[in-house]
Protein backbone atom coordinates (compact mmCIF):
# COMPACT_ATOMS: atom_id res chain seq x y z
CA MET A 1 6.64 10.92 -3.67
CA VAL A 2 6.34 8.45 -0.96
CA LYS A 3 3.09 7.58 0.78
CA THR A 4 2.90 10.01 3.91
CA ARG A 5 -0.46 9.10 5.55
CA ASP A 6 1.50 7.77 8.54
CA VAL A 7 4.45 9.77 8.58
CA SER A 8 4.84 11.85 11.95
CA LEU A 9 7.75 14.10 12.42
CA SER A 10 9.59 16.14 15.37
CA GLU A 11 9.84 20.02 15.18
CA LEU A 12 13.45 19.22 14.69
CA GLN A 13 12.72 16.78 11.79
CA ILE A 14 10.55 19.27 10.15
CA ALA A 15 12.93 21.91 10.23
CA LEU A 16 15.32 19.60 8.38
CA MET A 17 12.60 19.18 6.01
CA ARG A 18 12.06 22.49 5.33
CA VAL A 19 15.59 23.25 4.05
CA LEU A 20 15.04 20.54 1.47
CA TRP A 21 11.63 21.08 0.57
CA ARG A 22 12.66 24.74 -0.29
CA CYS A 23 16.24 23.86 -1.88
CA GLY A 24 15.51 20.74 -3.28
CA GLU A 25 18.51 18.12 -3.30
CA THR A 26 21.13 19.53 -0.93
CA SER A 27 24.19 18.13 0.61
CA THR A 28 24.28 16.88 3.98
CA ALA A 29 27.00 20.24 4.81
CA GLU A 30 24.48 22.83 3.24
CA VAL A 31 21.77 21.61 5.41
CA ALA A 32 23.86 21.26 8.27
CA ALA A 33 25.20 24.87 7.89
CA GLU A 34 21.34 26.38 7.64
CA LEU A 35 20.66 24.22 10.87
CA ALA A 36 23.53 25.71 12.49
CA GLU A 37 22.74 28.81 12.08
CA ALA A 38 19.25 28.68 12.69
CA ARG A 39 19.49 26.22 15.67
CA GLY A 40 22.87 25.66 16.74
CA LEU A 41 23.04 21.71 15.54
CA LYS A 42 26.21 20.08 14.75
CA HIS A 43 27.01 18.50 11.27
CA THR A 44 27.02 15.40 13.14
CA THR A 45 23.44 15.65 14.37
CA VAL A 46 21.99 17.04 11.11
CA ALA A 47 23.97 13.90 9.07
CA THR A 48 21.99 11.47 11.67
CA LEU A 49 18.88 13.00 11.38
CA LEU A 50 18.96 12.63 7.60
CA THR A 51 20.17 9.15 7.55
CA ARG A 52 17.27 8.02 9.88
CA LEU A 53 14.70 9.84 7.67
CA GLU A 54 16.41 7.99 4.85
CA LYS A 55 15.97 4.43 6.60
CA ARG A 56 12.10 5.78 6.99
CA GLY A 57 11.59 6.57 3.36
CA VAL A 58 11.21 10.10 3.87
CA VAL A 59 14.33 11.17 1.91
CA ALA A 60 16.28 10.05 -0.49
CA GLN A 61 20.25 9.93 -0.38
CA ARG A 62 22.53 10.24 -3.73
CA ARG A 63 26.45 9.93 -3.11
CA ASP A 64 28.92 11.91 -5.18
CA GLY A 65 32.41 11.00 -4.07
CA ARG A 66 32.88 11.50 -0.55
CA GLN A 67 29.38 13.95 -0.41
CA LEU A 68 25.98 12.95 0.70
CA PHE A 69 23.13 14.83 -1.18
CA TYR A 70 19.53 14.29 0.29
CA ARG A 71 16.14 14.97 -1.07
CA ALA A 72 12.51 15.15 0.33
CA LEU A 73 10.52 11.96 -0.66
CA ALA A 74 7.57 13.23 1.22
CA ASP A 75 5.60 16.20 0.08
CA GLU A 76 5.25 19.05 2.31
CA ALA A 77 1.50 19.16 1.90
CA ASP A 78 1.17 15.77 2.62
CA VAL A 79 3.37 15.55 5.94
CA ARG A 80 1.25 18.34 6.90
CA ARG A 81 -2.21 16.50 6.34
CA SER A 82 -0.96 13.35 7.96
CA MET A 83 0.12 15.40 10.99
CA VAL A 84 -2.97 17.34 11.53
CA ALA A 85 -4.82 14.21 11.21
CA ASP A 86 -3.00 12.83 13.75
CA LEU A 87 -3.91 16.05 15.99
CA VAL A 88 -7.28 15.99 15.40
CA GLY A 89 -7.66 12.19 16.18
CA ALA A 90 -5.84 12.37 19.34
CA LEU A 91 -6.71 15.77 21.04
CA PHE A 92 -10.18 16.25 19.06
CA ALA A 93 -11.74 12.49 18.71
CA GLY A 94 -11.20 13.06 15.10
CA ASP A 95 -13.62 16.12 15.08
CA ALA A 96 -11.93 19.05 12.91
CA ARG A 97 -14.96 21.30 13.96
CA GLU A 98 -13.65 21.19 17.71
CA LEU A 99 -10.00 22.10 16.74
CA VAL A 100 -11.46 24.74 14.56
CA ALA A 101 -13.63 26.05 17.92
CA HIS A 102 -10.39 25.62 19.78
CA LEU A 103 -8.64 27.91 17.87
CA VAL A 104 -11.39 30.20 17.77
CA GLN A 105 -11.94 29.90 21.42
CA GLU A 106 -7.96 30.55 22.06
CA SER A 107 -7.96 33.64 19.77
CA GLU A 108 -5.56 31.73 17.66
CA ILE A 109 -7.84 32.59 14.52
CA GLU A 110 -8.81 36.26 14.34
CA PRO A 111 -12.52 37.67 13.72
CA GLY A 112 -11.09 38.70 10.18
CA ASP A 113 -9.60 35.45 9.65
CA LEU A 114 -13.18 33.73 10.00
CA ALA A 115 -14.25 35.16 6.56
CA LYS A 116 -11.06 33.71 4.63
CA VAL A 117 -12.13 30.31 5.98
CA ARG A 118 -15.48 30.42 5.45
CA ARG A 119 -14.69 31.38 1.69
CA ARG A 120 -12.29 28.48 1.89
CA LEU A 121 -15.11 26.13 3.00
CA ALA A 122 -17.50 27.12 0.24
CA ARG A 123 -15.06 26.61 -2.44
CA GLY A 124 -14.23 23.21 -0.75
CA GLY A 125 -10.55 24.53 0.38
CA GLY A 126 -7.85 25.35 -1.40
CA ASN A 127 -5.69 28.90 -0.90
CA ASP A 128 -7.78 31.77 -0.20
CA ASP A 129 -4.72 34.27 -1.55
């Protein structure tokens, strides 16, 4: 996997990467078909996005005859970590506690969810499920 410390993706790029993370190696046509249905994107738009992500080292490309196949090089958890770190740095001066306080204040975290957050913190992170 590629180092994703500095990977920042647009909403559209994330949608594309979710297809690759879920499906593994996938043809441009398959990605385009899924995103056409979900977002109304054309094949050429998807091909351009994949090419740009390949140049950035976020995805790898393989050719089989005339067909191109792509797979994610960037791990989903690493991308999430990188983008959340960017968000915390840009909007909360690097203080993750301020992000959590904001989520609670804006009712993005329900009172029942706070118990799950506390359990995760007590264990040092990880899934609570």
